[in-house]
Amino acid sequence: MAWNNILGKRGEQLAVSFLEKKGYQILEINWRHRRAEVDIIAKDGSILVFVEVKTRNNNHYGEPELAVDQKKEDLLASAGAAYMRKIEHDWEIRFDIISIIYKNEQSFTIKHFEDAFFPN
């Protein structure tokens, strides 16, 4: 497996653990719909939360969260809508981003952007 894939998977594991410690209920990990993948689908109380995780080993090319562009937001919104139809969810939702700079198991930073965007 390529290093960036390993890094991405490790970031998702850290994000799941981070959210669980905050009391989130994890519903799905790497849920796919057509061309889109939602890294984490969770519940924060009664709010359904779709989480995009971006992990880098440095920020030389900008912060990881800046990689979530309009195209990615649109794909996440489409997948989110499909998931909502699947579970017949019709109440509050939120789109979050978790940004991780990962050096090693003992050295990483996590930033959680709640309500990072709302689809058009």
PDB file of N, CA and C in Angstrom:
ATOM      1  N   MET A   1       0.851  -1.177   0.000  1.00  0.00           N
ATOM      2  CA  MET A   1       0.000   0.000   0.000  1.00  0.00           C
ATOM      3  C   MET A   1       0.896   1.240   0.000  1.00  0.00           C
ATOM      4  N   ALA A   2       0.522   2.237  -0.787  1.00  0.00           N
ATOM      5  CA  ALA A   2       1.298   3.468  -0.886  1.00  0.00           C
ATOM      6  C   ALA A   2       1.247   4.239   0.433  1.00  0.00           C
ATOM      7  N   TRP A   3       2.320   5.010   0.693  1.00  0.00           N
ATOM      8  CA  TRP A   3       2.434   5.753   1.953  1.00  0.00           C
ATOM      9  C   TRP A   3       1.242   6.677   2.174  1.00  0.00           C
ATOM     10  N   ASN A   4       0.784   7.380   1.125  1.00  0.00           N
ATOM     11  CA  ASN A   4      -0.334   8.303   1.329  1.00  0.00           C
ATOM     12  C   ASN A   4      -1.616   7.554   1.704  1.00  0.00           C
ATOM     13  N   ASN A   5      -1.794   6.326   1.219  1.00  0.00           N
ATOM     14  CA  ASN A   5      -2.958   5.519   1.621  1.00  0.00           C
ATOM     15  C   ASN A   5      -2.841   5.086   3.081  1.00  0.00           C
ATOM     16  N   ILE A   6      -1.647   4.697   3.480  1.00  0.00           N
ATOM     17  CA  ILE A   6      -1.413   4.308   4.872  1.00  0.00           C
ATOM     18  C   ILE A   6      -1.663   5.510   5.787  1.00  0.00           C
ATOM     19  N   LEU A   7      -1.140   6.659   5.388  1.00  0.00           N
ATOM     20  CA  LEU A   7      -1.318   7.888   6.163  1.00  0.00           C
ATOM     21  C   LEU A   7      -2.798   8.241   6.276  1.00  0.00           C
ATOM     22  N   GLY A   8      -3.529   8.137   5.178  1.00  0.00           N
ATOM     23  CA  GLY A   8      -4.959   8.435   5.188  1.00  0.00           C
ATOM     24  C   GLY A   8      -5.735   7.508   6.109  1.00  0.00           C
ATOM     25  N   LYS A   9      -5.433   6.222   6.062  1.00  0.00           N
ATOM     26  CA  LYS A   9      -6.120   5.255   6.940  1.00  0.00           C
ATOM     27  C   LYS A   9      -5.801   5.527   8.407  1.00  0.00           C
ATOM     28  N   ARG A  10      -4.545   5.854   8.684  1.00  0.00           N
ATOM     29  CA  ARG A  10      -4.176   6.159  10.077  1.00  0.00           C
ATOM     30  C   ARG A  10      -4.911   7.409  10.548  1.00  0.00           C
ATOM     31  N   GLY A  11      -5.012   8.392   9.678  1.00  0.00           N
ATOM     32  CA  GLY A  11      -5.747   9.599  10.029  1.00  0.00           C
ATOM     33  C   GLY A  11      -7.212   9.308  10.329  1.00  0.00           C
ATOM     34  N   GLU A  12      -7.828   8.453   9.527  1.00  0.00           N
ATOM     35  CA  GLU A  12      -9.227   8.091   9.778  1.00  0.00           C
ATOM     36  C   GLU A  12      -9.374   7.385  11.121  1.00  0.00           C
ATOM     37  N   GLN A  13      -8.434   6.500  11.460  1.00  0.00           N
ATOM     38  CA  GLN A  13      -8.482   5.812  12.756  1.00  0.00           C
ATOM     39  C   GLN A  13      -8.372   6.820  13.892  1.00  0.00           C
ATOM     40  N   LEU A  14      -7.465   7.782  13.766  1.00  0.00           N
ATOM     41  CA  LEU A  14      -7.320   8.807  14.797  1.00  0.00           C
ATOM     42  C   LEU A  14      -8.590   9.651  14.903  1.00  0.00           C
ATOM     43  N   ALA A  15      -9.199   9.964  13.771  1.00  0.00           N
ATOM     44  CA  ALA A  15     -10.419  10.773  13.766  1.00  0.00           C
ATOM     45  C   ALA A  15     -11.570  10.027  14.435  1.00  0.00           C
ATOM     46  N   VAL A  16     -11.714   8.741  14.163  1.00  0.00           N
ATOM     47  CA  VAL A  16     -12.763   7.946  14.806  1.00  0.00           C
ATOM     48  C   VAL A  16     -12.575   7.958  16.317  1.00  0.00           C
ATOM     49  N   SER A  17     -11.353   7.712  16.763  1.00  0.00           N
ATOM     50  CA  SER A  17     -11.061   7.712  18.198  1.00  0.00           C
ATOM     51  C   SER A  17     -11.346   9.083  18.806  1.00  0.00           C
ATOM     52  N   PHE A  18     -10.950  10.136  18.130  1.00  0.00           N
ATOM     53  CA  PHE A  18     -11.174  11.509  18.575  1.00  0.00           C
ATOM     54  C   PHE A  18     -12.670  11.778  18.744  1.00  0.00           C
ATOM     55  N   LEU A  19     -13.457  11.397  17.744  1.00  0.00           N
ATOM     56  CA  LEU A  19     -14.902  11.629  17.807  1.00  0.00           C
ATOM     57  C   LEU A  19     -15.565  10.794  18.904  1.00  0.00           C
ATOM     58  N   GLU A  20     -15.149   9.550  19.044  1.00  0.00           N
ATOM     59  CA  GLU A  20     -15.719   8.701  20.095  1.00  0.00           C
ATOM     60  C   GLU A  20     -15.452   9.301  21.472  1.00  0.00           C
ATOM     61  N   LYS A  21     -14.253   9.841  21.676  1.00  0.00           N
ATOM     62  CA  LYS A  21     -13.925  10.477  22.959  1.00  0.00           C
ATOM     63  C   LYS A  21     -14.792  11.701  23.214  1.00  0.00           C
ATOM     64  N   LYS A  22     -15.257  12.339  22.141  1.00  0.00           N
ATOM     65  CA  LYS A  22     -16.143  13.499  22.268  1.00  0.00           C
ATOM     66  C   LYS A  22     -17.610  13.079  22.422  1.00  0.00           C
ATOM     67  N   GLY A  23     -17.867  11.762  22.425  1.00  0.00           N
ATOM     68  CA  GLY A  23     -19.220  11.272  22.634  1.00  0.00           C
ATOM     69  C   GLY A  23     -20.020  11.007  21.371  1.00  0.00           C
ATOM     70  N   TYR A  24     -19.392  11.088  20.225  1.00  0.00           N
ATOM     71  CA  TYR A  24     -20.083  10.799  18.967  1.00  0.00           C
ATOM     72  C   TYR A  24     -20.329   9.296  18.850  1.00  0.00           C
ATOM     73  N   GLN A  25     -21.425   8.948  18.201  1.00  0.00           N
ATOM     74  CA  GLN A  25     -21.716   7.547  17.880  1.00  0.00           C
ATOM     75  C   GLN A  25     -21.329   7.340  16.418  1.00  0.00           C
ATOM     76  N   ILE A  26     -20.369   6.471  16.160  1.00  0.00           N
ATOM     77  CA  ILE A  26     -19.907   6.211  14.799  1.00  0.00           C
ATOM     78  C   ILE A  26     -20.885   5.234  14.138  1.00  0.00           C
ATOM     79  N   LEU A  27     -21.428   5.640  12.997  1.00  0.00           N
ATOM     80  CA  LEU A  27     -22.390   4.805  12.266  1.00  0.00           C
ATOM     81  C   LEU A  27     -21.743   4.078  11.093  1.00  0.00           C
ATOM     82  N   GLU A  28     -20.879   4.770  10.370  1.00  0.00           N
ATOM     83  CA  GLU A  28     -20.243   4.204   9.174  1.00  0.00           C
ATOM     84  C   GLU A  28     -18.834   4.773   9.041  1.00  0.00           C
ATOM     85  N   ILE A  29     -17.956   3.963   8.446  1.00  0.00           N
ATOM     86  CA  ILE A  29     -16.617   4.409   8.090  1.00  0.00           C
ATOM     87  C   ILE A  29     -16.419   4.055   6.617  1.00  0.00           C
ATOM     88  N   ASN A  30     -15.952   5.025   5.848  1.00  0.00           N
ATOM     89  CA  ASN A  30     -15.714   4.847   4.410  1.00  0.00           C
ATOM     90  C   ASN A  30     -16.969   4.391   3.662  1.00  0.00           C
ATOM     91  N   TRP A  31     -18.059   5.093   3.887  1.00  0.00           N
ATOM     92  CA  TRP A  31     -19.321   4.774   3.224  1.00  0.00           C
ATOM     93  C   TRP A  31     -19.291   5.339   1.808  1.00  0.00           C
ATOM     94  N   ARG A  32     -19.585   4.488   0.832  1.00  0.00           N
ATOM     95  CA  ARG A  32     -19.484   4.874  -0.577  1.00  0.00           C
ATOM     96  C   ARG A  32     -20.855   5.007  -1.224  1.00  0.00           C
ATOM     97  N   HIS A  33     -20.926   5.999  -2.112  1.00  0.00           N
ATOM     98  CA  HIS A  33     -22.091   6.184  -2.981  1.00  0.00           C
ATOM     99  C   HIS A  33     -21.574   6.716  -4.314  1.00  0.00           C
ATOM    100  N   ARG A  34     -21.719   5.914  -5.330  1.00  0.00           N
ATOM    101  CA  ARG A  34     -21.207   6.260  -6.664  1.00  0.00           C
ATOM    102  C   ARG A  34     -19.742   6.654  -6.583  1.00  0.00           C
ATOM    103  N   ARG A  35     -19.407   7.881  -6.984  1.00  0.00           N
ATOM    104  CA  ARG A  35     -18.001   8.315  -6.995  1.00  0.00           C
ATOM    105  C   ARG A  35     -17.554   8.919  -5.670  1.00  0.00           C
ATOM    106  N   ALA A  36     -18.456   9.023  -4.732  1.00  0.00           N
ATOM    107  CA  ALA A  36     -18.141   9.705  -3.468  1.00  0.00           C
ATOM    108  C   ALA A  36     -17.936   8.713  -2.338  1.00  0.00           C
ATOM    109  N   GLU A  37     -17.078   9.106  -1.421  1.00  0.00           N
ATOM    110  CA  GLU A  37     -16.887   8.340  -0.202  1.00  0.00           C
ATOM    111  C   GLU A  37     -16.938   9.308   0.967  1.00  0.00           C
ATOM    112  N   VAL A  38     -17.724   8.958   1.970  1.00  0.00           N
ATOM    113  CA  VAL A  38     -17.760   9.741   3.202  1.00  0.00           C
ATOM    114  C   VAL A  38     -16.868   9.001   4.196  1.00  0.00           C
ATOM    115  N   ASP A  39     -15.850   9.685   4.694  1.00  0.00           N
ATOM    116  CA  ASP A  39     -14.891   9.027   5.579  1.00  0.00           C
ATOM    117  C   ASP A  39     -15.564   8.506   6.842  1.00  0.00           C
ATOM    118  N   ILE A  40     -16.365   9.348   7.484  1.00  0.00           N
ATOM    119  CA  ILE A  40     -17.040   8.952   8.731  1.00  0.00           C
ATOM    120  C   ILE A  40     -18.448   9.526   8.720  1.00  0.00           C
ATOM    121  N   ILE A  41     -19.405   8.688   9.079  1.00  0.00           N
ATOM    122  CA  ILE A  41     -20.766   9.159   9.334  1.00  0.00           C
ATOM    123  C   ILE A  41     -21.030   8.857  10.799  1.00  0.00           C
ATOM    124  N   ALA A  42     -21.453   9.881  11.532  1.00  0.00           N
ATOM    125  CA  ALA A  42     -21.622   9.740  12.980  1.00  0.00           C
ATOM    126  C   ALA A  42     -22.851  10.504  13.433  1.00  0.00           C
ATOM    127  N   LYS A  43     -23.213  10.290  14.677  1.00  0.00           N
ATOM    128  CA  LYS A  43     -24.263  11.092  15.303  1.00  0.00           C
ATOM    129  C   LYS A  43     -23.664  11.840  16.475  1.00  0.00           C
ATOM    130  N   ASP A  44     -23.960  13.124  16.514  1.00  0.00           N
ATOM    131  CA  ASP A  44     -23.590  13.998  17.624  1.00  0.00           C
ATOM    132  C   ASP A  44     -24.912  14.368  18.282  1.00  0.00           C
ATOM    133  N   GLY A  45     -25.309  13.583  19.282  1.00  0.00           N
ATOM    134  CA  GLY A  45     -26.651  13.722  19.831  1.00  0.00           C
ATOM    135  C   GLY A  45     -27.633  13.280  18.775  1.00  0.00           C
ATOM    136  N   SER A  46     -28.541  14.161  18.387  1.00  0.00           N
ATOM    137  CA  SER A  46     -29.517  13.812  17.355  1.00  0.00           C
ATOM    138  C   SER A  46     -29.096  14.291  15.972  1.00  0.00           C
ATOM    139  N   ILE A  47     -27.936  14.942  15.864  1.00  0.00           N
ATOM    140  CA  ILE A  47     -27.465  15.486  14.582  1.00  0.00           C
ATOM    141  C   ILE A  47     -26.676  14.417  13.820  1.00  0.00           C
ATOM    142  N   LEU A  48     -27.049  14.205  12.569  1.00  0.00           N
ATOM    143  CA  LEU A  48     -26.308  13.308  11.686  1.00  0.00           C
ATOM    144  C   LEU A  48     -25.142  14.102  11.107  1.00  0.00           C
ATOM    145  N   VAL A  49     -23.924  13.575  11.267  1.00  0.00           N
ATOM    146  CA  VAL A  49     -22.720  14.316  10.880  1.00  0.00           C
ATOM    147  C   VAL A  49     -21.932  13.518   9.845  1.00  0.00           C
ATOM    148  N   PHE A  50     -21.632  14.186   8.733  1.00  0.00           N
ATOM    149  CA  PHE A  50     -20.798  13.623   7.681  1.00  0.00           C
ATOM    150  C   PHE A  50     -19.425  14.268   7.822  1.00  0.00           C
ATOM    151  N   VAL A  51     -18.397  13.430   7.995  1.00  0.00           N
ATOM    152  CA  VAL A  51     -17.065  13.941   8.322  1.00  0.00           C
ATOM    153  C   VAL A  51     -16.073  13.581   7.217  1.00  0.00           C
ATOM    154  N   GLU A  52     -15.391  14.596   6.717  1.00  0.00           N
ATOM    155  CA  GLU A  52     -14.285  14.411   5.788  1.00  0.00           C
ATOM    156  C   GLU A  52     -12.995  14.545   6.586  1.00  0.00           C
ATOM    157  N   VAL A  53     -12.109  13.559   6.454  1.00  0.00           N
ATOM    158  CA  VAL A  53     -10.833  13.565   7.176  1.00  0.00           C
ATOM    159  C   VAL A  53      -9.718  13.827   6.172  1.00  0.00           C
ATOM    160  N   LYS A  54      -8.888  14.806   6.474  1.00  0.00           N
ATOM    161  CA  LYS A  54      -7.731  15.113   5.638  1.00  0.00           C
ATOM    162  C   LYS A  54      -6.486  15.012   6.503  1.00  0.00           C
ATOM    163  N   THR A  55      -5.560  14.138   6.092  1.00  0.00           N
ATOM    164  CA  THR A  55      -4.345  13.884   6.860  1.00  0.00           C
ATOM    165  C   THR A  55      -3.126  14.162   5.993  1.00  0.00           C
ATOM    166  N   ARG A  56      -2.181  14.876   6.545  1.00  0.00           N
ATOM    167  CA  ARG A  56      -0.905  15.159   5.873  1.00  0.00           C
ATOM    168  C   ARG A  56       0.212  14.943   6.891  1.00  0.00           C
ATOM    169  N   ASN A  57       1.437  14.754   6.387  1.00  0.00           N
ATOM    170  CA  ASN A  57       2.556  14.630   7.323  1.00  0.00           C
ATOM    171  C   ASN A  57       3.258  15.968   7.542  1.00  0.00           C
ATOM    172  N   ASN A  58       2.798  17.014   6.832  1.00  0.00           N
ATOM    173  CA  ASN A  58       3.290  18.373   7.058  1.00  0.00           C
ATOM    174  C   ASN A  58       2.289  19.338   6.430  1.00  0.00           C
ATOM    175  N   ASN A  59       2.526  20.610   6.639  1.00  0.00           N
ATOM    176  CA  ASN A  59       1.628  21.598   6.043  1.00  0.00           C
ATOM    177  C   ASN A  59       2.377  22.509   5.069  1.00  0.00           C
ATOM    178  N   HIS A  60       3.399  21.975   4.429  1.00  0.00           N
ATOM    179  CA  HIS A  60       4.191  22.761   3.484  1.00  0.00           C
ATOM    180  C   HIS A  60       3.360  23.298   2.322  1.00  0.00           C
ATOM    181  N   TYR A  61       2.320  22.588   1.945  1.00  0.00           N
ATOM    182  CA  TYR A  61       1.471  23.000   0.820  1.00  0.00           C
ATOM    183  C   TYR A  61       0.117  23.507   1.306  1.00  0.00           C
ATOM    184  N   GLY A  62       0.052  23.937   2.540  1.00  0.00           N
ATOM    185  CA  GLY A  62      -1.189  24.440   3.118  1.00  0.00           C
ATOM    186  C   GLY A  62      -1.763  23.449   4.113  1.00  0.00           C
ATOM    187  N   GLU A  63      -2.702  23.924   4.871  1.00  0.00           N
ATOM    188  CA  GLU A  63      -3.350  23.089   5.883  1.00  0.00           C
ATOM    189  C   GLU A  63      -4.203  22.018   5.199  1.00  0.00           C
ATOM    190  N   PRO A  64      -4.285  20.828   5.781  1.00  0.00           N
ATOM    191  CA  PRO A  64      -5.026  19.734   5.149  1.00  0.00           C
ATOM    192  C   PRO A  64      -6.482  20.081   4.808  1.00  0.00           C
ATOM    193  N   GLU A  65      -7.138  20.846   5.677  1.00  0.00           N
ATOM    194  CA  GLU A  65      -8.550  21.154   5.459  1.00  0.00           C
ATOM    195  C   GLU A  65      -8.784  21.959   4.181  1.00  0.00           C
ATOM    196  N   LEU A  66      -7.747  22.633   3.687  1.00  0.00           N
ATOM    197  CA  LEU A  66      -7.892  23.412   2.463  1.00  0.00           C
ATOM    198  C   LEU A  66      -8.051  22.538   1.225  1.00  0.00           C
ATOM    199  N   ALA A  67      -7.798  21.246   1.359  1.00  0.00           N
ATOM    200  CA  ALA A  67      -7.969  20.315   0.241  1.00  0.00           C
ATOM    201  C   ALA A  67      -9.440  19.985  -0.024  1.00  0.00           C
ATOM    202  N   VAL A  68     -10.328  20.407   0.856  1.00  0.00           N
ATOM    203  CA  VAL A  68     -11.758  20.181   0.639  1.00  0.00           C
ATOM    204  C   VAL A  68     -12.277  21.344  -0.194  1.00  0.00           C
ATOM    205  N   ASP A  69     -12.325  21.114  -1.510  1.00  0.00           N
ATOM    206  CA  ASP A  69     -12.763  22.151  -2.431  1.00  0.00           C
ATOM    207  C   ASP A  69     -14.252  21.984  -2.763  1.00  0.00           C
ATOM    208  N   GLN A  70     -14.752  22.830  -3.642  1.00  0.00           N
ATOM    209  CA  GLN A  70     -16.173  22.802  -3.991  1.00  0.00           C
ATOM    210  C   GLN A  70     -16.584  21.459  -4.595  1.00  0.00           C
ATOM    211  N   LYS A  71     -15.739  20.879  -5.419  1.00  0.00           N
ATOM    212  CA  LYS A  71     -16.050  19.570  -6.027  1.00  0.00           C
ATOM    213  C   LYS A  71     -16.217  18.510  -4.936  1.00  0.00           C
ATOM    214  N   LYS A  72     -15.306  18.506  -3.962  1.00  0.00           N
ATOM    215  CA  LYS A  72     -15.378  17.539  -2.865  1.00  0.00           C
ATOM    216  C   LYS A  72     -16.627  17.785  -2.028  1.00  0.00           C
ATOM    217  N   GLU A  73     -16.943  19.042  -1.763  1.00  0.00           N
ATOM    218  CA  GLU A  73     -18.163  19.364  -1.014  1.00  0.00           C
ATOM    219  C   GLU A  73     -19.397  18.842  -1.746  1.00  0.00           C
ATOM    220  N   ASP A  74     -19.434  19.021  -3.069  1.00  0.00           N
ATOM    221  CA  ASP A  74     -20.577  18.549  -3.850  1.00  0.00           C
ATOM    222  C   ASP A  74     -20.701  17.024  -3.790  1.00  0.00           C
ATOM    223  N   LEU A  75     -19.578  16.311  -3.888  1.00  0.00           N
ATOM    224  CA  LEU A  75     -19.604  14.847  -3.792  1.00  0.00           C
ATOM    225  C   LEU A  75     -20.085  14.396  -2.411  1.00  0.00           C
ATOM    226  N   LEU A  76     -19.599  15.067  -1.366  1.00  0.00           N
ATOM    227  CA  LEU A  76     -20.033  14.722  -0.009  1.00  0.00           C
ATOM    228  C   LEU A  76     -21.518  14.992   0.179  1.00  0.00           C
ATOM    229  N   ALA A  77     -22.006  16.086  -0.378  1.00  0.00           N
ATOM    230  CA  ALA A  77     -23.424  16.419  -0.266  1.00  0.00           C
ATOM    231  C   ALA A  77     -24.276  15.373  -0.968  1.00  0.00           C
ATOM    232  N   SER A  78     -23.838  14.935  -2.138  1.00  0.00           N
ATOM    233  CA  SER A  78     -24.574  13.904  -2.880  1.00  0.00           C
ATOM    234  C   SER A  78     -24.608  12.590  -2.102  1.00  0.00           C
ATOM    235  N   ALA A  79     -23.464  12.195  -1.579  1.00  0.00           N
ATOM    236  CA  ALA A  79     -23.410  10.965  -0.787  1.00  0.00           C
ATOM    237  C   ALA A  79     -24.239  11.109   0.486  1.00  0.00           C
ATOM    238  N   GLY A  80     -24.163  12.280   1.111  1.00  0.00           N
ATOM    239  CA  GLY A  80     -24.952  12.528   2.318  1.00  0.00           C
ATOM    240  C   GLY A  80     -26.440  12.408   2.053  1.00  0.00           C
ATOM    241  N   ALA A  81     -26.889  12.967   0.947  1.00  0.00           N
ATOM    242  CA  ALA A  81     -28.313  12.876   0.588  1.00  0.00           C
ATOM    243  C   ALA A  81     -28.727  11.427   0.366  1.00  0.00           C
ATOM    244  N   ALA A  82     -27.866  10.650  -0.290  1.00  0.00           N
ATOM    245  CA  ALA A  82     -28.164   9.233  -0.520  1.00  0.00           C
ATOM    246  C   ALA A  82     -28.247   8.473   0.803  1.00  0.00           C
ATOM    247  N   TYR A  83     -27.336   8.766   1.714  1.00  0.00           N
ATOM    248  CA  TYR A  83     -27.351   8.094   3.011  1.00  0.00           C
ATOM    249  C   TYR A  83     -28.612   8.453   3.792  1.00  0.00           C
ATOM    250  N   MET A  84     -28.999   9.719   3.722  1.00  0.00           N
ATOM    251  CA  MET A  84     -30.208  10.154   4.418  1.00  0.00           C
ATOM    252  C   MET A  84     -31.443   9.429   3.871  1.00  0.00           C
ATOM    253  N   ARG A  85     -31.504   9.266   2.558  1.00  0.00           N
ATOM    254  CA  ARG A  85     -32.620   8.509   1.962  1.00  0.00           C
ATOM    255  C   ARG A  85     -32.601   7.063   2.436  1.00  0.00           C
ATOM    256  N   LYS A  86     -31.404   6.490   2.487  1.00  0.00           N
ATOM    257  CA  LYS A  86     -31.252   5.087   2.889  1.00  0.00           C
ATOM    258  C   LYS A  86     -31.796   4.839   4.292  1.00  0.00           C
ATOM    259  N   ILE A  87     -31.483   5.741   5.220  1.00  0.00           N
ATOM    260  CA  ILE A  87     -31.908   5.519   6.612  1.00  0.00           C
ATOM    261  C   ILE A  87     -33.173   6.295   6.975  1.00  0.00           C
ATOM    262  N   GLU A  88     -33.747   6.975   5.959  1.00  0.00           N
ATOM    263  CA  GLU A  88     -34.964   7.768   6.155  1.00  0.00           C
ATOM    264  C   GLU A  88     -34.781   8.826   7.249  1.00  0.00           C
ATOM    265  N   HIS A  89     -33.670   9.518   7.148  1.00  0.00           N
ATOM    266  CA  HIS A  89     -33.315  10.580   8.098  1.00  0.00           C
ATOM    267  C   HIS A  89     -33.882  11.898   7.591  1.00  0.00           C
ATOM    268  N   ASP A  90     -34.606  12.601   8.409  1.00  0.00           N
ATOM    269  CA  ASP A  90     -35.174  13.873   7.951  1.00  0.00           C
ATOM    270  C   ASP A  90     -35.045  14.981   9.000  1.00  0.00           C
ATOM    271  N   TRP A  91     -34.006  14.901   9.793  1.00  0.00           N
ATOM    272  CA  TRP A  91     -33.779  15.972  10.764  1.00  0.00           C
ATOM    273  C   TRP A  91     -32.395  16.545  10.551  1.00  0.00           C
ATOM    274  N   GLU A  92     -31.864  17.228  11.502  1.00  0.00           N
ATOM    275  CA  GLU A  92     -30.658  18.039  11.350  1.00  0.00           C
ATOM    276  C   GLU A  92     -29.434  17.233  10.910  1.00  0.00           C
ATOM    277  N   ILE A  93     -28.658  17.863  10.003  1.00  0.00           N
ATOM    278  CA  ILE A  93     -27.392  17.280   9.545  1.00  0.00           C
ATOM    279  C   ILE A  93     -26.302  18.339   9.640  1.00  0.00           C
ATOM    280  N   ARG A  94     -25.062  17.856   9.517  1.00  0.00           N
ATOM    281  CA  ARG A  94     -23.922  18.757   9.565  1.00  0.00           C
ATOM    282  C   ARG A  94     -22.782  18.136   8.767  1.00  0.00           C
ATOM    283  N   PHE A  95     -21.967  18.970   8.145  1.00  0.00           N
ATOM    284  CA  PHE A  95     -20.771  18.518   7.437  1.00  0.00           C
ATOM    285  C   PHE A  95     -19.555  19.073   8.165  1.00  0.00           C
ATOM    286  N   ASP A  96     -18.706  18.181   8.672  1.00  0.00           N
ATOM    287  CA  ASP A  96     -17.510  18.555   9.427  1.00  0.00           C
ATOM    288  C   ASP A  96     -16.260  18.159   8.645  1.00  0.00           C
ATOM    289  N   ILE A  97     -15.164  18.787   8.992  1.00  0.00           N
ATOM    290  CA  ILE A  97     -13.848  18.402   8.482  1.00  0.00           C
ATOM    291  C   ILE A  97     -12.944  18.176   9.682  1.00  0.00           C
ATOM    292  N   ILE A  98     -12.202  17.081   9.631  1.00  0.00           N
ATOM    293  CA  ILE A  98     -11.141  16.851  10.617  1.00  0.00           C
ATOM    294  C   ILE A  98      -9.819  16.902   9.869  1.00  0.00           C
ATOM    295  N   SER A  99      -8.943  17.784  10.327  1.00  0.00           N
ATOM    296  CA  SER A  99      -7.645  18.023   9.712  1.00  0.00           C
ATOM    297  C   SER A  99      -6.567  17.484  10.647  1.00  0.00           C
ATOM    298  N   ILE A 100      -5.683  16.661  10.098  1.00  0.00           N
ATOM    299  CA  ILE A 100      -4.647  16.032  10.925  1.00  0.00           C
ATOM    300  C   ILE A 100      -3.276  16.244  10.293  1.00  0.00           C
ATOM    301  N   ILE A 101      -2.335  16.712  11.099  1.00  0.00           N
ATOM    302  CA  ILE A 101      -0.914  16.703  10.738  1.00  0.00           C
ATOM    303  C   ILE A 101      -0.302  15.579  11.555  1.00  0.00           C
ATOM    304  N   TYR A 102       0.160  14.543  10.858  1.00  0.00           N
ATOM    305  CA  TYR A 102       0.638  13.324  11.514  1.00  0.00           C
ATOM    306  C   TYR A 102       2.133  13.151  11.288  1.00  0.00           C
ATOM    307  N   LYS A 103       2.880  13.190  12.386  1.00  0.00           N
ATOM    308  CA  LYS A 103       4.317  12.919  12.326  1.00  0.00           C
ATOM    309  C   LYS A 103       4.590  11.451  12.672  1.00  0.00           C
ATOM    310  N   ASN A 104       4.018  11.022  13.800  1.00  0.00           N
ATOM    311  CA  ASN A 104       4.127   9.630  14.243  1.00  0.00           C
ATOM    312  C   ASN A 104       3.063   9.401  15.319  1.00  0.00           C
ATOM    313  N   GLU A 105       3.057   8.229  15.918  1.00  0.00           N
ATOM    314  CA  GLU A 105       2.032   7.881  16.910  1.00  0.00           C
ATOM    315  C   GLU A 105       2.007   8.815  18.115  1.00  0.00           C
ATOM    316  N   GLN A 106       3.141   9.407  18.437  1.00  0.00           N
ATOM    317  CA  GLN A 106       3.212  10.292  19.589  1.00  0.00           C
ATOM    318  C   GLN A 106       3.138  11.768  19.207  1.00  0.00           C
ATOM    319  N   SER A 107       3.215  12.069  17.930  1.00  0.00           N
ATOM    320  CA  SER A 107       3.271  13.462  17.497  1.00  0.00           C
ATOM    321  C   SER A 107       2.314  13.716  16.335  1.00  0.00           C
ATOM    322  N   PHE A 108       1.141  14.243  16.675  1.00  0.00           N
ATOM    323  CA  PHE A 108       0.166  14.611  15.649  1.00  0.00           C
ATOM    324  C   PHE A 108      -0.753  15.679  16.231  1.00  0.00           C
ATOM    325  N   THR A 109      -1.344  16.454  15.339  1.00  0.00           N
ATOM    326  CA  THR A 109      -2.315  17.455  15.766  1.00  0.00           C
ATOM    327  C   THR A 109      -3.618  17.214  15.019  1.00  0.00           C
ATOM    328  N   ILE A 110      -4.717  17.417  15.732  1.00  0.00           N
ATOM    329  CA  ILE A 110      -6.044  17.249  15.149  1.00  0.00           C
ATOM    330  C   ILE A 110      -6.819  18.547  15.336  1.00  0.00           C
ATOM    331  N   LYS A 111      -7.419  19.017  14.245  1.00  0.00           N
ATOM    332  CA  LYS A 111      -8.330  20.161  14.302  1.00  0.00           C
ATOM    333  C   LYS A 111      -9.689  19.687  13.782  1.00  0.00           C
ATOM    334  N   HIS A 112     -10.728  20.026  14.503  1.00  0.00           N
ATOM    335  CA  HIS A 112     -12.084  19.629  14.138  1.00  0.00           C
ATOM    336  C   HIS A 112     -12.872  20.882  13.774  1.00  0.00           C
ATOM    337  N   PHE A 113     -13.321  20.939  12.534  1.00  0.00           N
ATOM    338  CA  PHE A 113     -14.119  22.056  12.051  1.00  0.00           C
ATOM    339  C   PHE A 113     -15.577  21.602  11.966  1.00  0.00           C
ATOM    340  N   GLU A 114     -16.341  21.926  12.998  1.00  0.00           N
ATOM    341  CA  GLU A 114     -17.766  21.569  12.995  1.00  0.00           C
ATOM    342  C   GLU A 114     -18.499  22.513  12.066  1.00  0.00           C
ATOM    343  N   ASP A 115     -19.473  21.949  11.341  1.00  0.00           N
ATOM    344  CA  ASP A 115     -20.285  22.758  10.428  1.00  0.00           C
ATOM    345  C   ASP A 115     -19.389  23.522   9.457  1.00  0.00           C
ATOM    346  N   ALA A 116     -18.414  22.795   8.877  1.00  0.00           N
ATOM    347  CA  ALA A 116     -17.389  23.402   8.024  1.00  0.00           C
ATOM    348  C   ALA A 116     -17.964  23.990   6.742  1.00  0.00           C
ATOM    349  N   PHE A 117     -19.020  23.388   6.233  1.00  0.00           N
ATOM    350  CA  PHE A 117     -19.670  23.908   5.022  1.00  0.00           C
ATOM    351  C   PHE A 117     -21.098  23.387   4.988  1.00  0.00           C
ATOM    352  N   PHE A 118     -21.905  24.036   4.191  1.00  0.00           N
ATOM    353  CA  PHE A 118     -23.254  23.552   3.951  1.00  0.00           C
ATOM    354  C   PHE A 118     -23.465  23.564   2.446  1.00  0.00           C
ATOM    355  N   PRO A 119     -23.880  22.425   1.902  1.00  0.00           N
ATOM    356  CA  PRO A 119     -24.005  22.330   0.444  1.00  0.00           C
ATOM    357  C   PRO A 119     -24.997  23.346  -0.123  1.00  0.00           C
ATOM    358  N   ASN A 120     -24.720  23.750  -1.354  1.00  0.00           N
ATOM    359  CA  ASN A 120     -25.609  24.689  -2.050  1.00  0.00           C
ATOM    360  C   ASN A 120     -26.954  24.050  -2.373  1.00  0.00           C
TER     361      ASN A 120
END
